[in-house]
Amino acid sequence: MVPGKPPFRPVTSPSRRLTSRVPAPEDVWVYWQCQRREDVSRVRDMSMGGLFIETPEPKAEGVLARLNFLVQEGQIRADAVVRHATPGVGLGLKFTALSEQDRPKLAALLTRLRGYINPAKIVIQSNHPYPSGNSARCRSFNSHPMIPDDANCVLFLRH
């Protein structure tokens, strides 16, 4: 610390979340009940601590919700509380109750989602300017109709 200068602070603050969120593919949905209303919504992202669902219906912070997932890992039931709402976009929900039998299923779902690569977020740049010895051959993508069999390319994943 230098006298007369403010202490160094990072440009971004660390996340307050205890567990990291995992983006969900477009086919992960949840059936939920909240204030005597039932709905089905797409899950945008989730973690062991909570999730964000897409819904145009705003809910007040602190309102309780019951969640039911039917995924390949099995049925997962959880209770949650609304932590934040973005009108017209969705709700951030924090899990408040998850049974001991559902916890491993949720962990398995998150493991599967972490390994998911969304094809819509793959960008392939052909004829990359690196010398041909350093550029990757696209053999693993030969079945893709937009990529020539002998293409030199670089693969980028957009986040």
C-alpha atoms as a PDB file:
ATOM      1  CA  MET A   1       0.000   0.000   0.000  1.00  0.00           C
ATOM      2  CA  VAL A   2       1.361   3.399  -1.015  1.00  0.00           C
ATOM      3  CA  PRO A   3       0.482   6.382   1.200  1.00  0.00           C
ATOM      4  CA  GLY A   4      -1.866   8.780  -0.539  1.00  0.00           C
ATOM      5  CA  LYS A   5      -3.012   6.203  -3.109  1.00  0.00           C
ATOM      6  CA  PRO A   6      -6.172   4.143  -2.790  1.00  0.00           C
ATOM      7  CA  PRO A   7      -5.584   0.401  -2.302  1.00  0.00           C
ATOM      8  CA  PHE A   8      -5.524  -1.698  -5.458  1.00  0.00           C
ATOM      9  CA  ARG A   9      -8.915  -3.196  -6.267  1.00  0.00           C
ATOM     10  CA  PRO A  10      -9.613  -5.678  -9.015  1.00  0.00           C
ATOM     11  CA  VAL A  11     -11.652  -4.402 -11.949  1.00  0.00           C
ATOM     12  CA  THR A  12     -14.203  -7.166 -11.459  1.00  0.00           C
ATOM     13  CA  SER A  13     -15.358  -8.398  -8.113  1.00  0.00           C
ATOM     14  CA  PRO A  14     -15.470 -12.111  -7.363  1.00  0.00           C
ATOM     15  CA  SER A  15     -18.811 -13.849  -7.705  1.00  0.00           C
ATOM     16  CA  ARG A  16     -20.910 -14.200  -4.588  1.00  0.00           C
ATOM     17  CA  ARG A  17     -22.135 -17.588  -5.803  1.00  0.00           C
ATOM     18  CA  LEU A  18     -20.883 -20.631  -3.945  1.00  0.00           C
ATOM     19  CA  THR A  19     -21.302 -22.831  -7.017  1.00  0.00           C
ATOM     20  CA  SER A  20     -20.713 -21.888 -10.650  1.00  0.00           C
ATOM     21  CA  ARG A  21     -23.596 -21.700 -13.097  1.00  0.00           C
ATOM     22  CA  VAL A  22     -23.715 -24.005 -16.098  1.00  0.00           C
ATOM     23  CA  PRO A  23     -25.456 -22.850 -19.290  1.00  0.00           C
ATOM     24  CA  ALA A  24     -28.326 -25.161 -20.208  1.00  0.00           C
ATOM     25  CA  PRO A  25     -29.069 -26.262 -23.769  1.00  0.00           C
ATOM     26  CA  GLU A  26     -32.406 -25.237 -25.237  1.00  0.00           C
ATOM     27  CA  ASP A  27     -34.024 -28.571 -24.380  1.00  0.00           C
ATOM     28  CA  VAL A  28     -33.830 -28.250 -20.563  1.00  0.00           C
ATOM     29  CA  TRP A  29     -37.190 -27.206 -19.149  1.00  0.00           C
ATOM     30  CA  VAL A  30     -38.748 -27.098 -15.694  1.00  0.00           C
ATOM     31  CA  TYR A  31     -42.360 -27.399 -14.563  1.00  0.00           C
ATOM     32  CA  TRP A  32     -42.889 -24.968 -11.696  1.00  0.00           C
ATOM     33  CA  GLN A  33     -45.598 -23.814  -9.334  1.00  0.00           C
ATOM     34  CA  CYS A  34     -45.624 -20.416  -7.682  1.00  0.00           C
ATOM     35  CA  GLN A  35     -48.467 -18.540  -5.962  1.00  0.00           C
ATOM     36  CA  ARG A  36     -51.119 -21.018  -7.165  1.00  0.00           C
ATOM     37  CA  ARG A  37     -49.922 -20.639 -10.758  1.00  0.00           C
ATOM     38  CA  GLU A  38     -48.338 -23.445 -12.802  1.00  0.00           C
ATOM     39  CA  ASP A  39     -46.026 -22.988 -15.766  1.00  0.00           C
ATOM     40  CA  VAL A  40     -43.308 -24.659 -17.833  1.00  0.00           C
ATOM     41  CA  SER A  41     -40.189 -22.622 -18.563  1.00  0.00           C
ATOM     42  CA  ARG A  42     -36.854 -23.029 -20.295  1.00  0.00           C
ATOM     43  CA  VAL A  43     -33.850 -23.194 -17.984  1.00  0.00           C
ATOM     44  CA  ARG A  44     -31.165 -20.734 -19.089  1.00  0.00           C
ATOM     45  CA  ASP A  45     -28.493 -21.787 -16.588  1.00  0.00           C
ATOM     46  CA  MET A  46     -28.237 -23.655 -13.327  1.00  0.00           C
ATOM     47  CA  SER A  47     -25.979 -24.801 -10.505  1.00  0.00           C
ATOM     48  CA  MET A  48     -26.254 -26.815  -7.307  1.00  0.00           C
ATOM     49  CA  GLY A  49     -27.409 -23.582  -5.672  1.00  0.00           C
ATOM     50  CA  GLY A  50     -30.110 -22.431  -8.077  1.00  0.00           C
ATOM     51  CA  LEU A  51     -31.116 -21.601 -11.633  1.00  0.00           C
ATOM     52  CA  PHE A  52     -32.387 -18.920 -13.982  1.00  0.00           C
ATOM     53  CA  ILE A  53     -35.623 -19.645 -15.852  1.00  0.00           C
ATOM     54  CA  GLU A  54     -37.087 -17.750 -18.773  1.00  0.00           C
ATOM     55  CA  THR A  55     -40.585 -16.430 -18.110  1.00  0.00           C
ATOM     56  CA  PRO A  56     -42.399 -13.191 -18.926  1.00  0.00           C
ATOM     57  CA  GLU A  57     -44.190 -13.425 -15.553  1.00  0.00           C
ATOM     58  CA  PRO A  58     -42.379 -11.375 -12.896  1.00  0.00           C
ATOM     59  CA  LYS A  59     -42.512 -12.574  -9.290  1.00  0.00           C
ATOM     60  CA  ALA A  60     -41.593 -10.678  -6.166  1.00  0.00           C
ATOM     61  CA  GLU A  61     -38.298 -11.394  -4.445  1.00  0.00           C
ATOM     62  CA  GLY A  62     -38.781 -13.880  -1.624  1.00  0.00           C
ATOM     63  CA  VAL A  63     -41.739 -15.717  -3.191  1.00  0.00           C
ATOM     64  CA  LEU A  64     -41.530 -19.520  -2.898  1.00  0.00           C
ATOM     65  CA  ALA A  65     -41.683 -21.886  -5.873  1.00  0.00           C
ATOM     66  CA  ARG A  66     -41.842 -25.655  -6.297  1.00  0.00           C
ATOM     67  CA  LEU A  67     -39.782 -27.067  -9.207  1.00  0.00           C
ATOM     68  CA  ASN A  68     -40.054 -30.383 -11.073  1.00  0.00           C
ATOM     69  CA  PHE A  69     -37.512 -31.466 -13.672  1.00  0.00           C
ATOM     70  CA  LEU A  70     -38.012 -34.535 -15.823  1.00  0.00           C
ATOM     71  CA  VAL A  71     -34.620 -35.165 -17.399  1.00  0.00           C
ATOM     72  CA  GLN A  72     -32.694 -38.239 -18.502  1.00  0.00           C
ATOM     73  CA  GLU A  73     -31.145 -38.413 -15.022  1.00  0.00           C
ATOM     74  CA  GLY A  74     -34.665 -38.928 -13.622  1.00  0.00           C
ATOM     75  CA  GLN A  75     -37.264 -36.774 -11.923  1.00  0.00           C
ATOM     76  CA  ILE A  76     -35.790 -34.013  -9.754  1.00  0.00           C
ATOM     77  CA  ARG A  77     -37.969 -32.068  -7.311  1.00  0.00           C
ATOM     78  CA  ALA A  78     -36.840 -28.960  -5.451  1.00  0.00           C
ATOM     79  CA  ASP A  79     -38.192 -25.984  -3.560  1.00  0.00           C
ATOM     80  CA  ALA A  80     -36.780 -22.564  -4.351  1.00  0.00           C
ATOM     81  CA  VAL A  81     -37.134 -18.875  -3.551  1.00  0.00           C
ATOM     82  CA  VAL A  82     -37.108 -15.982  -6.025  1.00  0.00           C
ATOM     83  CA  ARG A  83     -33.827 -14.089  -5.577  1.00  0.00           C
ATOM     84  CA  HIS A  84     -34.309 -11.656  -8.459  1.00  0.00           C
ATOM     85  CA  ALA A  85     -36.701 -11.035 -11.328  1.00  0.00           C
ATOM     86  CA  THR A  86     -36.123  -9.364 -14.670  1.00  0.00           C
ATOM     87  CA  PRO A  87     -39.547  -8.408 -16.107  1.00  0.00           C
ATOM     88  CA  GLY A  88     -40.121  -9.947 -19.515  1.00  0.00           C
ATOM     89  CA  VAL A  89     -36.951 -12.055 -19.221  1.00  0.00           C
ATOM     90  CA  GLY A  90     -37.005 -14.408 -16.265  1.00  0.00           C
ATOM     91  CA  LEU A  91     -36.393 -15.335 -12.651  1.00  0.00           C
ATOM     92  CA  GLY A  92     -33.293 -16.151 -10.648  1.00  0.00           C
ATOM     93  CA  LEU A  93     -34.217 -18.879  -8.160  1.00  0.00           C
ATOM     94  CA  LYS A  94     -32.218 -20.210  -5.209  1.00  0.00           C
ATOM     95  CA  PHE A  95     -32.806 -23.795  -4.124  1.00  0.00           C
ATOM     96  CA  THR A  96     -34.105 -23.999  -0.559  1.00  0.00           C
ATOM     97  CA  ALA A  97     -34.872 -27.721  -0.365  1.00  0.00           C
ATOM     98  CA  LEU A  98     -33.555 -30.652  -2.382  1.00  0.00           C
ATOM     99  CA  SER A  99     -34.032 -34.212  -1.147  1.00  0.00           C
ATOM    100  CA  GLU A 100     -31.079 -36.528  -0.569  1.00  0.00           C
ATOM    101  CA  GLN A 101     -32.339 -38.766  -3.408  1.00  0.00           C
ATOM    102  CA  ASP A 102     -32.620 -35.824  -5.849  1.00  0.00           C
ATOM    103  CA  ARG A 103     -29.240 -34.225  -5.045  1.00  0.00           C
ATOM    104  CA  PRO A 104     -27.176 -36.877  -6.936  1.00  0.00           C
ATOM    105  CA  LYS A 105     -29.532 -36.601  -9.925  1.00  0.00           C
ATOM    106  CA  LEU A 106     -29.033 -32.815 -10.023  1.00  0.00           C
ATOM    107  CA  ALA A 107     -25.260 -33.294  -9.772  1.00  0.00           C
ATOM    108  CA  ALA A 108     -25.400 -35.795 -12.662  1.00  0.00           C
ATOM    109  CA  LEU A 109     -27.476 -33.356 -14.736  1.00  0.00           C
ATOM    110  CA  LEU A 110     -24.931 -30.581 -14.139  1.00  0.00           C
ATOM    111  CA  THR A 111     -22.068 -32.910 -15.066  1.00  0.00           C
ATOM    112  CA  ARG A 112     -23.826 -33.752 -18.322  1.00  0.00           C
ATOM    113  CA  LEU A 113     -24.504 -30.070 -19.064  1.00  0.00           C
ATOM    114  CA  ARG A 114     -20.873 -29.118 -18.405  1.00  0.00           C
ATOM    115  CA  GLY A 115     -19.874 -31.534 -21.174  1.00  0.00           C
ATOM    116  CA  TYR A 116     -22.442 -30.160 -23.625  1.00  0.00           C
ATOM    117  CA  ILE A 117     -21.137 -28.080 -26.526  1.00  0.00           C
ATOM    118  CA  ASN A 118     -23.795 -26.042 -28.275  1.00  0.00           C
ATOM    119  CA  PRO A 119     -23.234 -26.379 -32.052  1.00  0.00           C
ATOM    120  CA  ALA A 120     -24.665 -22.884 -32.542  1.00  0.00           C
ATOM    121  CA  LYS A 121     -21.709 -21.483 -30.596  1.00  0.00           C
ATOM    122  CA  ILE A 122     -18.989 -23.155 -32.646  1.00  0.00           C
ATOM    123  CA  VAL A 123     -17.124 -20.852 -35.005  1.00  0.00           C
ATOM    124  CA  ILE A 124     -14.764 -22.386 -37.501  1.00  0.00           C
ATOM    125  CA  GLN A 125     -12.281 -20.192 -39.308  1.00  0.00           C
ATOM    126  CA  SER A 126     -10.892 -21.874 -42.415  1.00  0.00           C
ATOM    127  CA  ASN A 127      -7.492 -21.142 -43.951  1.00  0.00           C
ATOM    128  CA  HIS A 128      -6.089 -19.710 -40.727  1.00  0.00           C
ATOM    129  CA  PRO A 129      -2.957 -17.571 -41.339  1.00  0.00           C
ATOM    130  CA  TYR A 130      -0.709 -19.824 -39.213  1.00  0.00           C
ATOM    131  CA  PRO A 131       1.760 -21.996 -41.123  1.00  0.00           C
ATOM    132  CA  SER A 132       0.092 -25.207 -42.245  1.00  0.00           C
ATOM    133  CA  GLY A 133       2.207 -27.248 -39.837  1.00  0.00           C
ATOM    134  CA  ASN A 134       0.563 -25.482 -36.882  1.00  0.00           C
ATOM    135  CA  SER A 135      -3.037 -25.421 -38.044  1.00  0.00           C
ATOM    136  CA  ALA A 136      -5.383 -28.221 -37.100  1.00  0.00           C
ATOM    137  CA  ARG A 137      -6.831 -30.558 -39.691  1.00  0.00           C
ATOM    138  CA  CYS A 138     -10.613 -30.734 -39.438  1.00  0.00           C
ATOM    139  CA  ARG A 139     -10.875 -34.509 -39.590  1.00  0.00           C
ATOM    140  CA  SER A 140     -13.308 -34.651 -36.666  1.00  0.00           C
ATOM    141  CA  PHE A 141     -15.669 -32.326 -38.522  1.00  0.00           C
ATOM    142  CA  ASN A 142     -15.640 -34.106 -41.891  1.00  0.00           C
ATOM    143  CA  SER A 143     -19.250 -35.136 -41.499  1.00  0.00           C
ATOM    144  CA  HIS A 144     -20.314 -31.487 -41.304  1.00  0.00           C
ATOM    145  CA  PRO A 145     -21.621 -30.342 -44.720  1.00  0.00           C
ATOM    146  CA  MET A 146     -20.108 -26.846 -44.432  1.00  0.00           C
ATOM    147  CA  ILE A 147     -16.520 -28.003 -43.869  1.00  0.00           C
ATOM    148  CA  PRO A 148     -14.427 -29.385 -46.740  1.00  0.00           C
ATOM    149  CA  ASP A 149     -12.596 -32.656 -46.056  1.00  0.00           C
ATOM    150  CA  ASP A 150      -9.157 -31.089 -46.511  1.00  0.00           C
ATOM    151  CA  ALA A 151      -9.815 -27.799 -44.707  1.00  0.00           C
ATOM    152  CA  ASN A 152      -7.215 -26.265 -42.424  1.00  0.00           C
ATOM    153  CA  CYS A 153      -9.086 -24.549 -39.647  1.00  0.00           C
ATOM    154  CA  VAL A 154      -9.141 -23.205 -36.123  1.00  0.00           C
ATOM    155  CA  LEU A 155     -12.024 -23.928 -33.815  1.00  0.00           C
ATOM    156  CA  PHE A 156     -13.338 -21.274 -31.429  1.00  0.00           C
ATOM    157  CA  LEU A 157     -16.087 -21.651 -28.848  1.00  0.00           C
ATOM    158  CA  ARG A 158     -18.135 -18.533 -28.130  1.00  0.00           C
ATOM    159  CA  HIS A 159     -19.278 -18.034 -24.545  1.00  0.00           C
END
